[in-house]
C-alpha atoms as a PDB file:
ATOM      1  CA  MET A   1     -10.743  14.567 -22.807  1.00  0.00           C
ATOM      2  CA  LYS A   2     -11.133  10.711 -24.954  1.00  0.00           C
ATOM      3  CA  THR A   3      -7.377  10.854 -26.394  1.00  0.00           C
ATOM      4  CA  THR A   4      -6.054  11.560 -22.629  1.00  0.00           C
ATOM      5  CA  ILE A   5      -8.384   9.015 -20.752  1.00  0.00           C
ATOM      6  CA  ALA A   6      -7.101   6.612 -24.355  1.00  0.00           C
ATOM      7  CA  THR A   7      -3.268   7.254 -23.309  1.00  0.00           C
ATOM      8  CA  LEU A   8      -4.030   6.853 -19.087  1.00  0.00           C
ATOM      9  CA  SER A   9      -5.635   3.053 -19.999  1.00  0.00           C
ATOM     10  CA  ALA A  10      -2.302   2.409 -22.801  1.00  0.00           C
ATOM     11  CA  LEU A  11      -0.260   3.540 -20.163  1.00  0.00           C
ATOM     12  CA  ALA A  12      -1.444   1.593 -17.674  1.00  0.00           C
ATOM     13  CA  VAL A  13      -1.346  -1.178 -19.730  1.00  0.00           C
ATOM     14  CA  ALA A  14       1.946  -1.406 -20.898  1.00  0.00           C
ATOM     15  CA  ALA A  15       3.474  -1.147 -17.210  1.00  0.00           C
ATOM     16  CA  THR A  16       1.464  -3.862 -16.552  1.00  0.00           C
ATOM     17  CA  LEU A  17       2.971  -6.119 -18.969  1.00  0.00           C
ATOM     18  CA  SER A  18       6.756  -4.897 -17.984  1.00  0.00           C
ATOM     19  CA  PHE A  19       6.242  -5.581 -15.629  1.00  0.00           C
ATOM     20  CA  ALA A  20       5.085  -9.337 -15.232  1.00  0.00           C
ATOM     21  CA  GLN A  21       7.351 -12.170 -15.906  1.00  0.00           C
ATOM     22  CA  ASP A  22       6.856 -15.801 -16.873  1.00  0.00           C
ATOM     23  CA  LYS A  23       7.793 -17.160 -13.728  1.00  0.00           C
ATOM     24  CA  PRO A  24       8.368 -15.911 -10.288  1.00  0.00           C
ATOM     25  CA  ALA A  25      11.596 -14.464  -8.878  1.00  0.00           C
ATOM     26  CA  GLY A  26      13.818 -16.442  -6.728  1.00  0.00           C
ATOM     27  CA  PRO A  27      16.193 -16.254  -4.215  1.00  0.00           C
ATOM     28  CA  PRO A  28      18.996 -14.615  -5.788  1.00  0.00           C
ATOM     29  CA  LYS A  29      21.747 -17.291  -7.334  1.00  0.00           C
ATOM     30  CA  HIS A  30      25.408 -17.133  -6.729  1.00  0.00           C
ATOM     31  CA  PRO A  31      27.844 -17.188  -9.084  1.00  0.00           C
ATOM     32  CA  GLY A  32      29.556 -21.232  -9.618  1.00  0.00           C
ATOM     33  CA  ALA A  33      26.144 -22.031  -7.455  1.00  0.00           C
ATOM     34  CA  ASP A  34      25.190 -25.360  -9.718  1.00  0.00           C
ATOM     35  CA  LYS A  35      28.957 -26.134 -10.336  1.00  0.00           C
ATOM     36  CA  ARG A  36      29.764 -29.407  -9.300  1.00  0.00           C
ATOM     37  CA  PRO A  37      33.571 -28.920  -7.321  1.00  0.00           C
ATOM     38  CA  THR A  38      36.250 -31.115  -9.274  1.00  0.00           C
ATOM     39  CA  PRO A  39      37.600 -34.434  -8.054  1.00  0.00           C
ATOM     40  CA  GLU A  40      41.226 -32.435  -8.518  1.00  0.00           C
ATOM     41  CA  GLU A  41      38.937 -29.702  -5.860  1.00  0.00           C
ATOM     42  CA  ILE A  42      37.511 -32.118  -3.134  1.00  0.00           C
ATOM     43  CA  PHE A  43      40.752 -33.634  -3.600  1.00  0.00           C
ATOM     44  CA  LYS A  44      42.603 -30.960  -2.983  1.00  0.00           C
ATOM     45  CA  LYS A  45      40.229 -30.260  -0.281  1.00  0.00           C
ATOM     46  CA  LEU A  46      40.361 -33.560   1.893  1.00  0.00           C
ATOM     47  CA  ASP A  47      44.552 -34.015   1.229  1.00  0.00           C
ATOM     48  CA  THR A  48      44.975 -31.023   5.039  1.00  0.00           C
ATOM     49  CA  ASN A  49      48.437 -31.875   5.045  1.00  0.00           C
ATOM     50  CA  GLY A  50      49.805 -31.544   1.474  1.00  0.00           C
ATOM     51  CA  ASP A  51      51.519 -34.340   0.681  1.00  0.00           C
ATOM     52  CA  GLY A  52      50.346 -35.134  -2.728  1.00  0.00           C
ATOM     53  CA  LYS A  53      47.893 -37.708  -1.099  1.00  0.00           C
ATOM     54  CA  LEU A  54      44.790 -38.828   0.857  1.00  0.00           C
ATOM     55  CA  SER A  55      46.223 -41.336   4.308  1.00  0.00           C
ATOM     56  CA  LEU A  56      42.802 -43.322   5.757  1.00  0.00           C
ATOM     57  CA  GLU A  57      42.944 -41.117   8.695  1.00  0.00           C
ATOM     58  CA  GLU A  58      42.727 -37.693   6.516  1.00  0.00           C
ATOM     59  CA  PHE A  59      40.160 -39.505   3.871  1.00  0.00           C
ATOM     60  CA  LYS A  60      38.438 -40.154   7.075  1.00  0.00           C
ATOM     61  CA  ALA A  61      38.260 -36.624   7.778  1.00  0.00           C
ATOM     62  CA  SER A  62      34.927 -36.123   5.502  1.00  0.00           C
ATOM     63  CA  PRO A  63      31.194 -35.402   6.012  1.00  0.00           C
ATOM     64  CA  MET A  64      30.472 -39.030   4.478  1.00  0.00           C
ATOM     65  CA  ALA A  65      33.122 -40.786   6.223  1.00  0.00           C
ATOM     66  CA  LYS A  66      31.948 -39.313   9.631  1.00  0.00           C
ATOM     67  CA  HIS A  67      28.272 -40.515   8.854  1.00  0.00           C
ATOM     68  CA  ASP A  68      29.689 -44.697   8.039  1.00  0.00           C
ATOM     69  CA  GLU A  69      33.253 -44.379   8.804  1.00  0.00           C
ATOM     70  CA  ALA A  70      33.530 -48.647   7.691  1.00  0.00           C
ATOM     71  CA  LYS A  71      32.071 -47.505   3.991  1.00  0.00           C
ATOM     72  CA  ALA A  72      34.400 -45.397   4.216  1.00  0.00           C
ATOM     73  CA  GLU A  73      37.042 -48.001   4.213  1.00  0.00           C
ATOM     74  CA  GLU A  74      35.738 -50.044   2.321  1.00  0.00           C
ATOM     75  CA  LEU A  75      35.880 -47.381  -0.421  1.00  0.00           C
ATOM     76  CA  PHE A  76      39.125 -46.053   0.591  1.00  0.00           C
ATOM     77  CA  LYS A  77      40.655 -49.865  -0.419  1.00  0.00           C
ATOM     78  CA  LYS A  78      38.373 -49.156  -3.695  1.00  0.00           C
ATOM     79  CA  ILE A  79      40.292 -46.599  -4.707  1.00  0.00           C
ATOM     80  CA  ASP A  80      43.522 -47.333  -3.654  1.00  0.00           C
ATOM     81  CA  THR A  81      43.891 -48.949  -6.664  1.00  0.00           C
ATOM     82  CA  ASP A  82      48.140 -50.058  -5.962  1.00  0.00           C
ATOM     83  CA  SER A  83      46.536 -51.218  -2.258  1.00  0.00           C
ATOM     84  CA  SER A  84      49.789 -48.171  -1.359  1.00  0.00           C
ATOM     85  CA  GLY A  85      47.663 -47.611   1.678  1.00  0.00           C
ATOM     86  CA  ASP A  86      47.056 -43.685   0.627  1.00  0.00           C
ATOM     87  CA  ILE A  87      45.464 -42.078  -2.311  1.00  0.00           C
ATOM     88  CA  SER A  88      46.860 -40.357  -5.135  1.00  0.00           C
ATOM     89  CA  LEU A  89      44.730 -38.160  -7.550  1.00  0.00           C
ATOM     90  CA  GLU A  90      45.524 -40.443 -10.661  1.00  0.00           C
ATOM     91  CA  GLU A  91      43.426 -42.896  -8.779  1.00  0.00           C
ATOM     92  CA  PHE A  92      40.851 -40.318  -7.215  1.00  0.00           C
ATOM     93  CA  LYS A  93      39.895 -38.593 -10.886  1.00  0.00           C
ATOM     94  CA  ALA A  94      39.935 -42.327 -12.046  1.00  0.00           C
ATOM     95  CA  PHE A  95      37.413 -44.290  -9.277  1.00  0.00           C
ATOM     96  CA  HIS A  96      35.122 -40.271 -10.088  1.00  0.00           C
ATOM     97  CA  LYS A  97      36.046 -40.394 -14.369  1.00  0.00           C
ATOM     98  CA  ASP A  98      33.545 -43.781 -13.248  1.00  0.00           C
ATOM     99  CA  HIS A  99      31.611 -43.181  -9.860  1.00  0.00           C
ATOM    100  CA  LYS A 100      30.053 -40.006 -11.307  1.00  0.00           C
ATOM    101  CA  PRO A 101      26.639 -38.936 -10.449  1.00  0.00           C
ATOM    102  CA  GLY A 102      24.398 -40.907 -12.835  1.00  0.00           C
ATOM    103  CA  GLY A 103      27.019 -43.719 -13.717  1.00  0.00           C
ATOM    104  CA  PRO A 104      29.396 -42.996 -16.456  1.00  0.00           C
ATOM    105  CA  GLY A 105      29.536 -40.602 -18.473  1.00  0.00           C
ATOM    106  CA  GLY A 106      27.272 -38.448 -16.530  1.00  0.00           C
ATOM    107  CA  LYS A 107      24.178 -40.277 -17.690  1.00  0.00           C
ATOM    108  CA  GLY A 108      22.343 -43.473 -16.861  1.00  0.00           C
ATOM    109  CA  HIS A 109      22.240 -44.719 -13.489  1.00  0.00           C
ATOM    110  CA  ALA A 110      24.767 -45.121 -11.340  1.00  0.00           C
ATOM    111  CA  PRO A 111      26.423 -48.324 -11.093  1.00  0.00           C
ATOM    112  CA  LYS A 112      24.696 -51.411  -8.813  1.00  0.00           C
ATOM    113  CA  GLY A 113      25.666 -50.598  -5.842  1.00  0.00           C
ATOM    114  CA  ALA A 114      28.015 -47.750  -6.642  1.00  0.00           C
ATOM    115  CA  THR A 115      28.889 -45.532  -3.125  1.00  0.00           C
ATOM    116  CA  PRO A 116      29.022 -41.788  -3.970  1.00  0.00           C
ATOM    117  CA  PRO A 117      32.395 -40.209  -3.219  1.00  0.00           C
ATOM    118  CA  PRO A 118      32.465 -38.148  -0.123  1.00  0.00           C
ATOM    119  CA  ALA A 119      31.923 -34.350  -0.512  1.00  0.00           C
ATOM    120  CA  PRO A 120      33.993 -32.125  -0.011  1.00  0.00           C
ATOM    121  CA  ALA A 121      35.036 -31.069   4.511  1.00  0.00           C
ATOM    122  CA  GLY A 122      33.083 -28.212   5.653  1.00  0.00           C
ATOM    123  CA  GLN A 123      30.269 -29.283   3.453  1.00  0.00           C
END
């Protein structure tokens, strides 16, 4: 009888410990949920006509631009380094490289007065 009680107690403790977790379970994560879109992916979403460059109109269609159109036009001019009136993928990537969240290289703080890049359309 003592053996049976000891065995059942040991099984109860083992079962309890097997369900214990170090941290509470959160909602299941989607694959890539922590991954930010690359500049190329953002550019492709904004380039609605697929011509390989962003016009001011395409740029203004981004959610950020809809929030503050004047700021979007100012940012467009900063990214359009060759003043062609369009933003090439190279200009877009160069801007993102220098203006990652957290500053150049993604470390530290963003430069003073830095404006975050537009979010991809549909977000």
